[in-house]
Amino acid sequence: MTTVPGQVPVVPQAHRHPHDPEPVRSTKARAVFALGLIGALTGLFVGGVVPSTIALTLVRQARREAYASGGYLTGADWLRRGERLALVGLVLAAVAVVAAVVIGVVRHTDASFGHDFAPNID
């Protein structure tokens, strides 16, 4: 089967029912982005763990609500960005903890053990 070249016919838009709600952005999407941003900015100070964890919890709830709304809740791009920022915050916090442990172990092994006696005592 072949098609004739030329203009593609315009498909008429389906009319919405008057009682359908207007699509709105999810308020949780904005909160996820804000918490993810705070988590990413404070991740190296290990304070980013709390907002990042809350953001990841809200992402799951917001996605469930958006799916149940049937397309009337928008903001999936804000959710995605907020989730990525929250993950960055958690990774930065993990890097900070690992670096602190490594520095602590190196300093602990460099410290002398036992008593330091005078040079004329065996």
PDB file of N, CA and C in Angstrom:
ATOM      1  N   MET A   1       0.834  -1.154   0.000  1.00  0.00           N
ATOM      2  CA  MET A   1       0.000   0.000   0.000  1.00  0.00           C
ATOM      3  C   MET A   1       0.895   1.239   0.000  1.00  0.00           C
ATOM      4  N   THR A   2       0.574   2.185  -0.816  1.00  0.00           N
ATOM      5  CA  THR A   2       1.343   3.423  -0.884  1.00  0.00           C
ATOM      6  C   THR A   2       0.422   4.600  -0.582  1.00  0.00           C
ATOM      7  N   THR A   3       1.058   5.687  -0.153  1.00  0.00           N
ATOM      8  CA  THR A   3       0.277   6.885   0.115  1.00  0.00           C
ATOM      9  C   THR A   3       0.626   7.940  -0.913  1.00  0.00           C
ATOM     10  N   VAL A   4      -0.285   8.816  -1.156  1.00  0.00           N
ATOM     11  CA  VAL A   4      -0.075   9.881  -2.123  1.00  0.00           C
ATOM     12  C   VAL A   4       0.719  10.992  -1.438  1.00  0.00           C
ATOM     13  N   PRO A   5       1.800  11.482  -2.064  1.00  0.00           N
ATOM     14  CA  PRO A   5       2.546  12.570  -1.435  1.00  0.00           C
ATOM     15  C   PRO A   5       1.705  13.842  -1.414  1.00  0.00           C
ATOM     16  N   GLY A   6       1.969  14.637  -0.423  1.00  0.00           N
ATOM     17  CA  GLY A   6       1.227  15.893  -0.292  1.00  0.00           C
ATOM     18  C   GLY A   6       1.039  16.223   1.170  1.00  0.00           C
ATOM     19  N   GLN A   7       0.105  17.084   1.422  1.00  0.00           N
ATOM     20  CA  GLN A   7      -0.142  17.491   2.794  1.00  0.00           C
ATOM     21  C   GLN A   7      -0.806  16.368   3.577  1.00  0.00           C
ATOM     22  N   VAL A   8      -0.404  16.301   4.832  1.00  0.00           N
ATOM     23  CA  VAL A   8      -1.008  15.313   5.719  1.00  0.00           C
ATOM     24  C   VAL A   8      -2.325  15.887   6.220  1.00  0.00           C
ATOM     25  N   PRO A   9      -3.397  15.117   6.173  1.00  0.00           N
ATOM     26  CA  PRO A   9      -4.674  15.656   6.643  1.00  0.00           C
ATOM     27  C   PRO A   9      -4.615  15.961   8.142  1.00  0.00           C
ATOM     28  N   VAL A  10      -5.236  17.034   8.510  1.00  0.00           N
ATOM     29  CA  VAL A  10      -5.252  17.461   9.905  1.00  0.00           C
ATOM     30  C   VAL A  10      -6.298  16.642  10.650  1.00  0.00           C
ATOM     31  N   VAL A  11      -5.865  16.051  11.750  1.00  0.00           N
ATOM     32  CA  VAL A  11      -6.783  15.263  12.563  1.00  0.00           C
ATOM     33  C   VAL A  11      -7.485  16.221  13.522  1.00  0.00           C
ATOM     34  N   PRO A  12      -8.788  16.212  13.534  1.00  0.00           N
ATOM     35  CA  PRO A  12      -9.482  17.130  14.448  1.00  0.00           C
ATOM     36  C   PRO A  12      -9.229  16.728  15.902  1.00  0.00           C
ATOM     37  N   GLN A  13      -9.043  17.745  16.743  1.00  0.00           N
ATOM     38  CA  GLN A  13      -8.818  17.500  18.165  1.00  0.00           C
ATOM     39  C   GLN A  13     -10.116  17.045  18.812  1.00  0.00           C
ATOM     40  N   ALA A  14      -9.965  16.087  19.699  1.00  0.00           N
ATOM     41  CA  ALA A  14     -11.147  15.599  20.420  1.00  0.00           C
ATOM     42  C   ALA A  14     -11.572  16.664  21.421  1.00  0.00           C
ATOM     43  N   HIS A  15     -12.844  16.891  21.501  1.00  0.00           N
ATOM     44  CA  HIS A  15     -13.358  17.879  22.437  1.00  0.00           C
ATOM     45  C   HIS A  15     -13.393  17.272  23.828  1.00  0.00           C
ATOM     46  N   ARG A  16     -12.975  18.087  24.797  1.00  0.00           N
ATOM     47  CA  ARG A  16     -12.982  17.626  26.182  1.00  0.00           C
ATOM     48  C   ARG A  16     -14.371  17.792  26.756  1.00  0.00           C
ATOM     49  N   HIS A  17     -14.665  16.930  27.673  1.00  0.00           N
ATOM     50  CA  HIS A  17     -15.928  17.048  28.394  1.00  0.00           C
ATOM     51  C   HIS A  17     -15.848  18.279  29.297  1.00  0.00           C
ATOM     52  N   PRO A  18     -16.928  19.037  29.431  1.00  0.00           N
ATOM     53  CA  PRO A  18     -16.867  20.252  30.248  1.00  0.00           C
ATOM     54  C   PRO A  18     -16.572  20.002  31.727  1.00  0.00           C
ATOM     55  N   HIS A  19     -16.810  18.817  32.209  1.00  0.00           N
ATOM     56  CA  HIS A  19     -16.563  18.519  33.621  1.00  0.00           C
ATOM     57  C   HIS A  19     -15.160  17.983  33.887  1.00  0.00           C
ATOM     58  N   ASP A  20     -14.360  17.815  32.822  1.00  0.00           N
ATOM     59  CA  ASP A  20     -12.980  17.373  33.013  1.00  0.00           C
ATOM     60  C   ASP A  20     -12.174  18.476  33.701  1.00  0.00           C
ATOM     61  N   PRO A  21     -11.311  18.099  34.645  1.00  0.00           N
ATOM     62  CA  PRO A  21     -10.497  19.134  35.302  1.00  0.00           C
ATOM     63  C   PRO A  21      -9.386  19.630  34.375  1.00  0.00           C
ATOM     64  N   GLU A  22      -8.898  20.809  34.664  1.00  0.00           N
ATOM     65  CA  GLU A  22      -7.780  21.363  33.906  1.00  0.00           C
ATOM     66  C   GLU A  22      -6.486  20.677  34.365  1.00  0.00           C
ATOM     67  N   PRO A  23      -5.578  20.385  33.438  1.00  0.00           N
ATOM     68  CA  PRO A  23      -4.283  19.830  33.859  1.00  0.00           C
ATOM     69  C   PRO A  23      -3.508  20.862  34.680  1.00  0.00           C
ATOM     70  N   VAL A  24      -3.002  20.429  35.825  1.00  0.00           N
ATOM     71  CA  VAL A  24      -2.227  21.313  36.702  1.00  0.00           C
ATOM     72  C   VAL A  24      -0.932  20.612  37.082  1.00  0.00           C
ATOM     73  N   ARG A  25       0.064  21.424  37.446  1.00  0.00           N
ATOM     74  CA  ARG A  25       1.332  20.864  37.880  1.00  0.00           C
ATOM     75  C   ARG A  25       1.194  20.358  39.306  1.00  0.00           C
ATOM     76  N   SER A  26       1.757  19.224  39.559  1.00  0.00           N
ATOM     77  CA  SER A  26       1.731  18.632  40.890  1.00  0.00           C
ATOM     78  C   SER A  26       2.543  19.493  41.857  1.00  0.00           C
ATOM     79  N   THR A  27       1.991  19.763  43.025  1.00  0.00           N
ATOM     80  CA  THR A  27       2.731  20.538  44.018  1.00  0.00           C
ATOM     81  C   THR A  27       3.881  19.724  44.590  1.00  0.00           C
ATOM     82  N   LYS A  28       3.740  18.414  44.568  1.00  0.00           N
ATOM     83  CA  LYS A  28       4.840  17.569  45.053  1.00  0.00           C
ATOM     84  C   LYS A  28       6.028  17.630  44.110  1.00  0.00           C
ATOM     85  N   ALA A  29       5.783  17.884  42.827  1.00  0.00           N
ATOM     86  CA  ALA A  29       6.894  17.988  41.879  1.00  0.00           C
ATOM     87  C   ALA A  29       7.781  19.177  42.232  1.00  0.00           C
ATOM     88  N   ARG A  30       7.175  20.281  42.598  1.00  0.00           N
ATOM     89  CA  ARG A  30       7.947  21.461  42.998  1.00  0.00           C
ATOM     90  C   ARG A  30       8.706  21.189  44.296  1.00  0.00           C
ATOM     91  N   ALA A  31       8.058  20.498  45.231  1.00  0.00           N
ATOM     92  CA  ALA A  31       8.709  20.176  46.503  1.00  0.00           C
ATOM     93  C   ALA A  31       9.874  19.208  46.292  1.00  0.00           C
ATOM     94  N   VAL A  32       9.699  18.235  45.410  1.00  0.00           N
ATOM     95  CA  VAL A  32      10.778  17.278  45.119  1.00  0.00           C
ATOM     96  C   VAL A  32      11.975  18.005  44.527  1.00  0.00           C
ATOM     97  N   PHE A  33      11.715  18.922  43.603  1.00  0.00           N
ATOM     98  CA  PHE A  33      12.833  19.657  43.001  1.00  0.00           C
ATOM     99  C   PHE A  33      13.556  20.501  44.042  1.00  0.00           C
ATOM    100  N   ALA A  34      12.807  21.193  44.883  1.00  0.00           N
ATOM    101  CA  ALA A  34      13.430  22.039  45.908  1.00  0.00           C
ATOM    102  C   ALA A  34      14.233  21.202  46.899  1.00  0.00           C
ATOM    103  N   LEU A  35      13.663  20.091  47.357  1.00  0.00           N
ATOM    104  CA  LEU A  35      14.388  19.231  48.304  1.00  0.00           C
ATOM    105  C   LEU A  35      15.604  18.579  47.649  1.00  0.00           C
ATOM    106  N   GLY A  36      15.476  18.188  46.382  1.00  0.00           N
ATOM    107  CA  GLY A  36      16.617  17.619  45.670  1.00  0.00           C
ATOM    108  C   GLY A  36      17.734  18.628  45.496  1.00  0.00           C
ATOM    109  N   LEU A  37      17.368  19.878  45.216  1.00  0.00           N
ATOM    110  CA  LEU A  37      18.373  20.927  45.076  1.00  0.00           C
ATOM    111  C   LEU A  37      19.079  21.191  46.405  1.00  0.00           C
ATOM    112  N   ILE A  38      18.315  21.254  47.478  1.00  0.00           N
ATOM    113  CA  ILE A  38      18.918  21.444  48.804  1.00  0.00           C
ATOM    114  C   ILE A  38      19.822  20.259  49.149  1.00  0.00           C
ATOM    115  N   GLY A  39      19.369  19.050  48.832  1.00  0.00           N
ATOM    116  CA  GLY A  39      20.179  17.866  49.092  1.00  0.00           C
ATOM    117  C   GLY A  39      21.472  17.855  48.306  1.00  0.00           C
ATOM    118  N   ALA A  40      21.423  18.307  47.045  1.00  0.00           N
ATOM    119  CA  ALA A  40      22.635  18.331  46.230  1.00  0.00           C
ATOM    120  C   ALA A  40      23.601  19.415  46.707  1.00  0.00           C
ATOM    121  N   LEU A  41      23.055  20.555  47.145  1.00  0.00           N
ATOM    122  CA  LEU A  41      23.921  21.636  47.592  1.00  0.00           C
ATOM    123  C   LEU A  41      24.579  21.345  48.939  1.00  0.00           C
ATOM    124  N   THR A  42      23.904  20.602  49.797  1.00  0.00           N
ATOM    125  CA  THR A  42      24.448  20.312  51.125  1.00  0.00           C
ATOM    126  C   THR A  42      24.930  18.865  51.246  1.00  0.00           C
ATOM    127  N   GLY A  43      25.082  18.182  50.126  1.00  0.00           N
ATOM    128  CA  GLY A  43      25.483  16.778  50.149  1.00  0.00           C
ATOM    129  C   GLY A  43      26.861  16.536  50.718  1.00  0.00           C
ATOM    130  N   LEU A  44      27.811  17.403  50.405  1.00  0.00           N
ATOM    131  CA  LEU A  44      29.168  17.204  50.913  1.00  0.00           C
ATOM    132  C   LEU A  44      29.262  17.415  52.416  1.00  0.00           C
ATOM    133  N   PHE A  45      28.319  18.138  52.979  1.00  0.00           N
ATOM    134  CA  PHE A  45      28.332  18.370  54.421  1.00  0.00           C
ATOM    135  C   PHE A  45      27.507  17.323  55.161  1.00  0.00           C
ATOM    136  N   VAL A  46      27.088  16.284  54.486  1.00  0.00           N
ATOM    137  CA  VAL A  46      26.313  15.152  54.992  1.00  0.00           C
ATOM    138  C   VAL A  46      24.926  15.613  55.465  1.00  0.00           C
ATOM    139  N   GLY A  47      24.626  16.900  55.378  1.00  0.00           N
ATOM    140  CA  GLY A  47      23.299  17.380  55.717  1.00  0.00           C
ATOM    141  C   GLY A  47      22.317  17.147  54.588  1.00  0.00           C
ATOM    142  N   GLY A  48      22.797  16.754  53.436  1.00  0.00           N
ATOM    143  CA  GLY A  48      21.932  16.525  52.294  1.00  0.00           C
ATOM    144  C   GLY A  48      21.223  15.194  52.307  1.00  0.00           C
ATOM    145  N   VAL A  49      21.529  14.361  53.280  1.00  0.00           N
ATOM    146  CA  VAL A  49      20.904  13.040  53.336  1.00  0.00           C
ATOM    147  C   VAL A  49      19.412  13.164  53.641  1.00  0.00           C
ATOM    148  N   VAL A  50      19.074  14.015  54.585  1.00  0.00           N
ATOM    149  CA  VAL A  50      17.671  14.136  55.008  1.00  0.00           C
ATOM    150  C   VAL A  50      16.798  14.697  53.890  1.00  0.00           C
ATOM    151  N   PRO A  51      17.118  15.852  53.281  1.00  0.00           N
ATOM    152  CA  PRO A  51      16.241  16.333  52.212  1.00  0.00           C
ATOM    153  C   PRO A  51      16.233  15.416  50.992  1.00  0.00           C
ATOM    154  N   SER A  52      17.347  14.769  50.706  1.00  0.00           N
ATOM    155  CA  SER A  52      17.384  13.850  49.568  1.00  0.00           C
ATOM    156  C   SER A  52      16.494  12.638  49.800  1.00  0.00           C
ATOM    157  N   THR A  53      16.501  12.120  51.008  1.00  0.00           N
ATOM    158  CA  THR A  53      15.654  10.976  51.330  1.00  0.00           C
ATOM    159  C   THR A  53      14.180  11.355  51.268  1.00  0.00           C
ATOM    160  N   ILE A  54      13.853  12.518  51.784  1.00  0.00           N
ATOM    161  CA  ILE A  54      12.463  12.980  51.718  1.00  0.00           C
ATOM    162  C   ILE A  54      12.044  13.189  50.269  1.00  0.00           C
ATOM    163  N   ALA A  55      12.939  13.736  49.449  1.00  0.00           N
ATOM    164  CA  ALA A  55      12.633  13.958  48.039  1.00  0.00           C
ATOM    165  C   ALA A  55      12.375  12.641  47.314  1.00  0.00           C
ATOM    166  N   LEU A  56      13.177  11.631  47.592  1.00  0.00           N
ATOM    167  CA  LEU A  56      12.975  10.331  46.937  1.00  0.00           C
ATOM    168  C   LEU A  56      11.678   9.674  47.378  1.00  0.00           C
ATOM    169  N   THR A  57      11.280   9.912  48.621  1.00  0.00           N
ATOM    170  CA  THR A  57      10.001   9.384  49.094  1.00  0.00           C
ATOM    171  C   THR A  57       8.839  10.099  48.402  1.00  0.00           C
ATOM    172  N   LEU A  58       8.956  11.414  48.265  1.00  0.00           N
ATOM    173  CA  LEU A  58       7.900  12.175  47.597  1.00  0.00           C
ATOM    174  C   LEU A  58       7.804  11.851  46.105  1.00  0.00           C
ATOM    175  N   VAL A  59       8.924  11.478  45.485  1.00  0.00           N
ATOM    176  CA  VAL A  59       8.899  11.114  44.065  1.00  0.00           C
ATOM    177  C   VAL A  59       7.970   9.924  43.849  1.00  0.00           C
ATOM    178  N   ARG A  60       8.088   8.938  44.697  1.00  0.00           N
ATOM    179  CA  ARG A  60       7.235   7.752  44.556  1.00  0.00           C
ATOM    180  C   ARG A  60       5.766   8.111  44.714  1.00  0.00           C
ATOM    181  N   GLN A  61       5.459   8.939  45.715  1.00  0.00           N
ATOM    182  CA  GLN A  61       4.073   9.343  45.936  1.00  0.00           C
ATOM    183  C   GLN A  61       3.543  10.170  44.767  1.00  0.00           C
ATOM    184  N   ALA A  62       4.349  11.098  44.277  1.00  0.00           N
ATOM    185  CA  ALA A  62       3.913  11.966  43.182  1.00  0.00           C
ATOM    186  C   ALA A  62       3.689  11.173  41.901  1.00  0.00           C
ATOM    187  N   ARG A  63       4.524  10.191  41.641  1.00  0.00           N
ATOM    188  CA  ARG A  63       4.335   9.371  40.435  1.00  0.00           C
ATOM    189  C   ARG A  63       3.066   8.537  40.536  1.00  0.00           C
ATOM    190  N   ARG A  64       2.783   8.012  41.733  1.00  0.00           N
ATOM    191  CA  ARG A  64       1.536   7.258  41.916  1.00  0.00           C
ATOM    192  C   ARG A  64       0.322   8.162  41.696  1.00  0.00           C
ATOM    193  N   GLU A  65       0.378   9.380  42.249  1.00  0.00           N
ATOM    194  CA  GLU A  65      -0.742  10.303  42.091  1.00  0.00           C
ATOM    195  C   GLU A  65      -0.910  10.735  40.638  1.00  0.00           C
ATOM    196  N   ALA A  66       0.189  10.968  39.941  1.00  0.00           N
ATOM    197  CA  ALA A  66       0.119  11.370  38.537  1.00  0.00           C
ATOM    198  C   ALA A  66      -0.460  10.242  37.681  1.00  0.00           C
ATOM    199  N   TYR A  67      -0.110   9.015  37.983  1.00  0.00           N
ATOM    200  CA  TYR A  67      -0.655   7.879  37.241  1.00  0.00           C
ATOM    201  C   TYR A  67      -2.145   7.730  37.500  1.00  0.00           C
ATOM    202  N   ALA A  68      -2.542   7.907  38.761  1.00  0.00           N
ATOM    203  CA  ALA A  68      -3.958   7.769  39.113  1.00  0.00           C
ATOM    204  C   ALA A  68      -4.803   8.920  38.560  1.00  0.00           C
ATOM    205  N   SER A  69      -4.183  10.076  38.308  1.00  0.00           N
ATOM    206  CA  SER A  69      -4.950  11.226  37.818  1.00  0.00           C
ATOM    207  C   SER A  69      -5.301  11.103  36.341  1.00  0.00           C
ATOM    208  N   GLY A  70      -4.688  10.211  35.640  1.00  0.00           N
ATOM    209  CA  GLY A  70      -5.015  10.018  34.234  1.00  0.00           C
ATOM    210  C   GLY A  70      -4.498  11.122  33.331  1.00  0.00           C
ATOM    211  N   GLY A  71      -3.421  11.770  33.703  1.00  0.00           N
ATOM    212  CA  GLY A  71      -2.819  12.791  32.862  1.00  0.00           C
ATOM    213  C   GLY A  71      -3.184  14.214  33.241  1.00  0.00           C
ATOM    214  N   TYR A  72      -3.951  14.401  34.300  1.00  0.00           N
ATOM    215  CA  TYR A  72      -4.330  15.749  34.706  1.00  0.00           C
ATOM    216  C   TYR A  72      -3.344  16.368  35.691  1.00  0.00           C
ATOM    217  N   LEU A  73      -2.396  15.589  36.179  1.00  0.00           N
ATOM    218  CA  LEU A  73      -1.305  16.135  36.990  1.00  0.00           C
ATOM    219  C   LEU A  73      -0.046  16.105  36.133  1.00  0.00           C
ATOM    220  N   THR A  74       0.571  17.251  35.973  1.00  0.00           N
ATOM    221  CA  THR A  74       1.782  17.333  35.171  1.00  0.00           C
ATOM    222  C   THR A  74       2.969  17.584  36.095  1.00  0.00           C
ATOM    223  N   GLY A  75       4.144  17.760  35.505  1.00  0.00           N
ATOM    224  CA  GLY A  75       5.340  18.047  36.292  1.00  0.00           C
ATOM    225  C   GLY A  75       6.313  16.895  36.332  1.00  0.00           C
ATOM    226  N   ALA A  76       6.229  15.992  35.364  1.00  0.00           N
ATOM    227  CA  ALA A  76       7.129  14.841  35.356  1.00  0.00           C
ATOM    228  C   ALA A  76       8.577  15.269  35.163  1.00  0.00           C
ATOM    229  N   ASP A  77       8.817  16.348  34.401  1.00  0.00           N
ATOM    230  CA  ASP A  77      10.192  16.803  34.198  1.00  0.00           C
ATOM    231  C   ASP A  77      10.789  17.353  35.492  1.00  0.00           C
ATOM    232  N   TRP A  78       9.985  18.047  36.303  1.00  0.00           N
ATOM    233  CA  TRP A  78      10.462  18.529  37.600  1.00  0.00           C
ATOM    234  C   TRP A  78      10.739  17.361  38.535  1.00  0.00           C
ATOM    235  N   LEU A  79       9.917  16.325  38.453  1.00  0.00           N
ATOM    236  CA  LEU A  79      10.160  15.133  39.282  1.00  0.00           C
ATOM    237  C   LEU A  79      11.479  14.474  38.900  1.00  0.00           C
ATOM    238  N   ARG A  80      11.705  14.349  37.607  1.00  0.00           N
ATOM    239  CA  ARG A  80      12.933  13.709  37.135  1.00  0.00           C
ATOM    240  C   ARG A  80      14.169  14.490  37.575  1.00  0.00           C
ATOM    241  N   ARG A  81      14.119  15.811  37.403  1.00  0.00           N
ATOM    242  CA  ARG A  81      15.257  16.644  37.813  1.00  0.00           C
ATOM    243  C   ARG A  81      15.479  16.582  39.319  1.00  0.00           C
ATOM    244  N   GLY A  82      14.402  16.668  40.079  1.00  0.00           N
ATOM    245  CA  GLY A  82      14.517  16.597  41.532  1.00  0.00           C
ATOM    246  C   GLY A  82      15.051  15.258  42.006  1.00  0.00           C
ATOM    247  N   GLU A  83      14.627  14.189  41.344  1.00  0.00           N
ATOM    248  CA  GLU A  83      15.126  12.864  41.708  1.00  0.00           C
ATOM    249  C   GLU A  83      16.619  12.746  41.430  1.00  0.00           C
ATOM    250  N   ARG A  84      17.058  13.266  40.291  1.00  0.00           N
ATOM    251  CA  ARG A  84      18.489  13.222  39.977  1.00  0.00           C
ATOM    252  C   ARG A  84      19.312  14.051  40.965  1.00  0.00           C
ATOM    253  N   LEU A  85      18.804  15.219  41.320  1.00  0.00           N
ATOM    254  CA  LEU A  85      19.510  16.053  42.292  1.00  0.00           C
ATOM    255  C   LEU A  85      19.574  15.373  43.652  1.00  0.00           C
ATOM    256  N   ALA A  86      18.488  14.703  44.040  1.00  0.00           N
ATOM    257  CA  ALA A  86      18.481  13.993  45.320  1.00  0.00           C
ATOM    258  C   ALA A  86      19.492  12.855  45.309  1.00  0.00           C
ATOM    259  N   LEU A  87      19.582  12.149  44.202  1.00  0.00           N
ATOM    260  CA  LEU A  87      20.576  11.071  44.110  1.00  0.00           C
ATOM    261  C   LEU A  87      21.997  11.629  44.151  1.00  0.00           C
ATOM    262  N   VAL A  88      22.209  12.771  43.509  1.00  0.00           N
ATOM    263  CA  VAL A  88      23.521  13.420  43.570  1.00  0.00           C
ATOM    264  C   VAL A  88      23.852  13.794  45.008  1.00  0.00           C
ATOM    265  N   GLY A  89      22.862  14.302  45.750  1.00  0.00           N
ATOM    266  CA  GLY A  89      23.071  14.647  47.158  1.00  0.00           C
ATOM    267  C   GLY A  89      23.454  13.440  47.992  1.00  0.00           C
ATOM    268  N   LEU A  90      22.788  12.313  47.741  1.00  0.00           N
ATOM    269  CA  LEU A  90      23.134  11.094  48.487  1.00  0.00           C
ATOM    270  C   LEU A  90      24.528  10.590  48.133  1.00  0.00           C
ATOM    271  N   VAL A  91      24.892  10.674  46.856  1.00  0.00           N
ATOM    272  CA  VAL A  91      26.231  10.238  46.443  1.00  0.00           C
ATOM    273  C   VAL A  91      27.292  11.144  47.063  1.00  0.00           C
ATOM    274  N   LEU A  92      27.053  12.445  47.066  1.00  0.00           N
ATOM    275  CA  LEU A  92      28.016  13.367  47.675  1.00  0.00           C
ATOM    276  C   LEU A  92      28.161  13.109  49.173  1.00  0.00           C
ATOM    277  N   ALA A  93      27.063  12.814  49.845  1.00  0.00           N
ATOM    278  CA  ALA A  93      27.135  12.501  51.273  1.00  0.00           C
ATOM    279  C   ALA A  93      27.923  11.212  51.497  1.00  0.00           C
ATOM    280  N   ALA A  94      27.700  10.214  50.647  1.00  0.00           N
ATOM    281  CA  ALA A  94      28.449   8.961  50.775  1.00  0.00           C
ATOM    282  C   ALA A  94      29.935   9.190  50.536  1.00  0.00           C
ATOM    283  N   VAL A  95      30.283  10.012  49.553  1.00  0.00           N
ATOM    284  CA  VAL A  95      31.683  10.327  49.281  1.00  0.00           C
ATOM    285  C   VAL A  95      32.309  11.029  50.479  1.00  0.00           C
ATOM    286  N   ALA A  96      31.564  11.946  51.095  1.00  0.00           N
ATOM    287  CA  ALA A  96      32.087  12.664  52.260  1.00  0.00           C
ATOM    288  C   ALA A  96      32.325  11.712  53.427  1.00  0.00           C
ATOM    289  N   VAL A  97      31.414  10.778  53.646  1.00  0.00           N
ATOM    290  CA  VAL A  97      31.580   9.821  54.749  1.00  0.00           C
ATOM    291  C   VAL A  97      32.767   8.902  54.488  1.00  0.00           C
ATOM    292  N   VAL A  98      32.896   8.407  53.255  1.00  0.00           N
ATOM    293  CA  VAL A  98      34.022   7.521  52.928  1.00  0.00           C
ATOM    294  C   VAL A  98      35.345   8.273  53.070  1.00  0.00           C
ATOM    295  N   ALA A  99      35.386   9.516  52.616  1.00  0.00           N
ATOM    296  CA  ALA A  99      36.611  10.305  52.743  1.00  0.00           C
ATOM    297  C   ALA A  99      36.958  10.541  54.206  1.00  0.00           C
ATOM    298  N   ALA A 100      35.957  10.816  55.041  1.00  0.00           N
ATOM    299  CA  ALA A 100      36.209  11.017  56.473  1.00  0.00           C
ATOM    300  C   ALA A 100      36.722   9.741  57.131  1.00  0.00           C
ATOM    301  N   VAL A 101      36.172   8.596  56.747  1.00  0.00           N
ATOM    302  CA  VAL A 101      36.641   7.323  57.307  1.00  0.00           C
ATOM    303  C   VAL A 101      38.075   7.043  56.875  1.00  0.00           C
ATOM    304  N   VAL A 102      38.386   7.275  55.616  1.00  0.00           N
ATOM    305  CA  VAL A 102      39.755   7.036  55.128  1.00  0.00           C
ATOM    306  C   VAL A 102      40.736   7.960  55.835  1.00  0.00           C
ATOM    307  N   ILE A 103      40.383   9.229  55.972  1.00  0.00           N
ATOM    308  CA  ILE A 103      41.264  10.163  56.676  1.00  0.00           C
ATOM    309  C   ILE A 103      41.436   9.761  58.127  1.00  0.00           C
ATOM    310  N   GLY A 104      40.356   9.327  58.763  1.00  0.00           N
ATOM    311  CA  GLY A 104      40.440   8.877  60.157  1.00  0.00           C
ATOM    312  C   GLY A 104      41.313   7.654  60.320  1.00  0.00           C
ATOM    313  N   VAL A 105      41.209   6.693  59.412  1.00  0.00           N
ATOM    314  CA  VAL A 105      42.032   5.478  59.487  1.00  0.00           C
ATOM    315  C   VAL A 105      43.496   5.815  59.263  1.00  0.00           C
ATOM    316  N   VAL A 106      43.772   6.684  58.299  1.00  0.00           N
ATOM    317  CA  VAL A 106      45.169   7.052  58.025  1.00  0.00           C
ATOM    318  C   VAL A 106      45.773   7.784  59.222  1.00  0.00           C
ATOM    319  N   ARG A 107      45.020   8.673  59.829  1.00  0.00           N
ATOM    320  CA  ARG A 107      45.540   9.391  60.997  1.00  0.00           C
ATOM    321  C   ARG A 107      45.694   8.463  62.192  1.00  0.00           C
ATOM    322  N   HIS A 108      44.805   7.491  62.318  1.00  0.00           N
ATOM    323  CA  HIS A 108      44.894   6.552  63.436  1.00  0.00           C
ATOM    324  C   HIS A 108      46.112   5.648  63.306  1.00  0.00           C
ATOM    325  N   THR A 109      46.421   5.218  62.096  1.00  0.00           N
ATOM    326  CA  THR A 109      47.585   4.348  61.909  1.00  0.00           C
ATOM    327  C   THR A 109      48.884   5.115  62.053  1.00  0.00           C
ATOM    328  N   ASP A 110      48.869   6.407  61.826  1.00  0.00           N
ATOM    329  CA  ASP A 110      50.069   7.220  61.949  1.00  0.00           C
ATOM    330  C   ASP A 110      50.381   7.539  63.416  1.00  0.00           C
ATOM    331  N   ALA A 111      49.380   7.480  64.282  1.00  0.00           N
ATOM    332  CA  ALA A 111      49.592   7.800  65.702  1.00  0.00           C
ATOM    333  C   ALA A 111      50.390   6.688  66.368  1.00  0.00           C
ATOM    334  N   SER A 112      51.208   7.066  67.329  1.00  0.00           N
ATOM    335  CA  SER A 112      52.005   6.062  68.036  1.00  0.00           C
ATOM    336  C   SER A 112      51.145   5.404  69.112  1.00  0.00           C
ATOM    337  N   PHE A 113      51.430   4.137  69.364  1.00  0.00           N
ATOM    338  CA  PHE A 113      50.666   3.373  70.344  1.00  0.00           C
ATOM    339  C   PHE A 113      51.499   3.187  71.611  1.00  0.00           C
ATOM    340  N   GLY A 114      50.851   3.020  72.740  1.00  0.00           N
ATOM    341  CA  GLY A 114      51.546   2.731  73.996  1.00  0.00           C
ATOM    342  C   GLY A 114      52.138   3.991  74.593  1.00  0.00           C
ATOM    343  N   HIS A 115      52.996   3.757  75.606  1.00  0.00           N
ATOM    344  CA  HIS A 115      53.626   4.869  76.308  1.00  0.00           C
ATOM    345  C   HIS A 115      54.930   5.248  75.627  1.00  0.00           C
ATOM    346  N   ASP A 116      55.252   6.496  75.720  1.00  0.00           N
ATOM    347  CA  ASP A 116      56.516   6.978  75.168  1.00  0.00           C
ATOM    348  C   ASP A 116      57.477   7.155  76.349  1.00  0.00           C
ATOM    349  N   PHE A 117      58.415   6.190  76.495  1.00  0.00           N
ATOM    350  CA  PHE A 117      59.340   6.223  77.626  1.00  0.00           C
ATOM    351  C   PHE A 117      60.570   7.071  77.307  1.00  0.00           C
ATOM    352  N   ALA A 118      61.260   7.422  78.322  1.00  0.00           N
ATOM    353  CA  ALA A 118      62.489   8.203  78.165  1.00  0.00           C
ATOM    354  C   ALA A 118      63.528   7.361  77.433  1.00  0.00           C
ATOM    355  N   PRO A 119      64.522   7.989  76.797  1.00  0.00           N
ATOM    356  CA  PRO A 119      65.493   7.227  75.995  1.00  0.00           C
ATOM    357  C   PRO A 119      66.388   6.308  76.814  1.00  0.00           C
ATOM    358  N   ASN A 120      66.565   6.516  78.113  1.00  0.00           N
ATOM    359  CA  ASN A 120      67.462   5.652  78.879  1.00  0.00           C
ATOM    360  C   ASN A 120      66.731   4.491  79.555  1.00  0.00           C
ATOM    361  N   ILE A 121      65.461   4.257  79.234  1.00  0.00           N
ATOM    362  CA  ILE A 121      64.665   3.152  79.827  1.00  0.00           C
ATOM    363  C   ILE A 121      64.377   2.141  78.735  1.00  0.00           C
ATOM    364  N   ASP A 122      64.585   0.836  79.080  1.00  0.00           N
ATOM    365  CA  ASP A 122      64.295  -0.237  78.139  1.00  0.00           C
ATOM    366  C   ASP A 122      62.857  -0.655  78.230  1.00  0.00           C
TER     367      ASP A 122
END
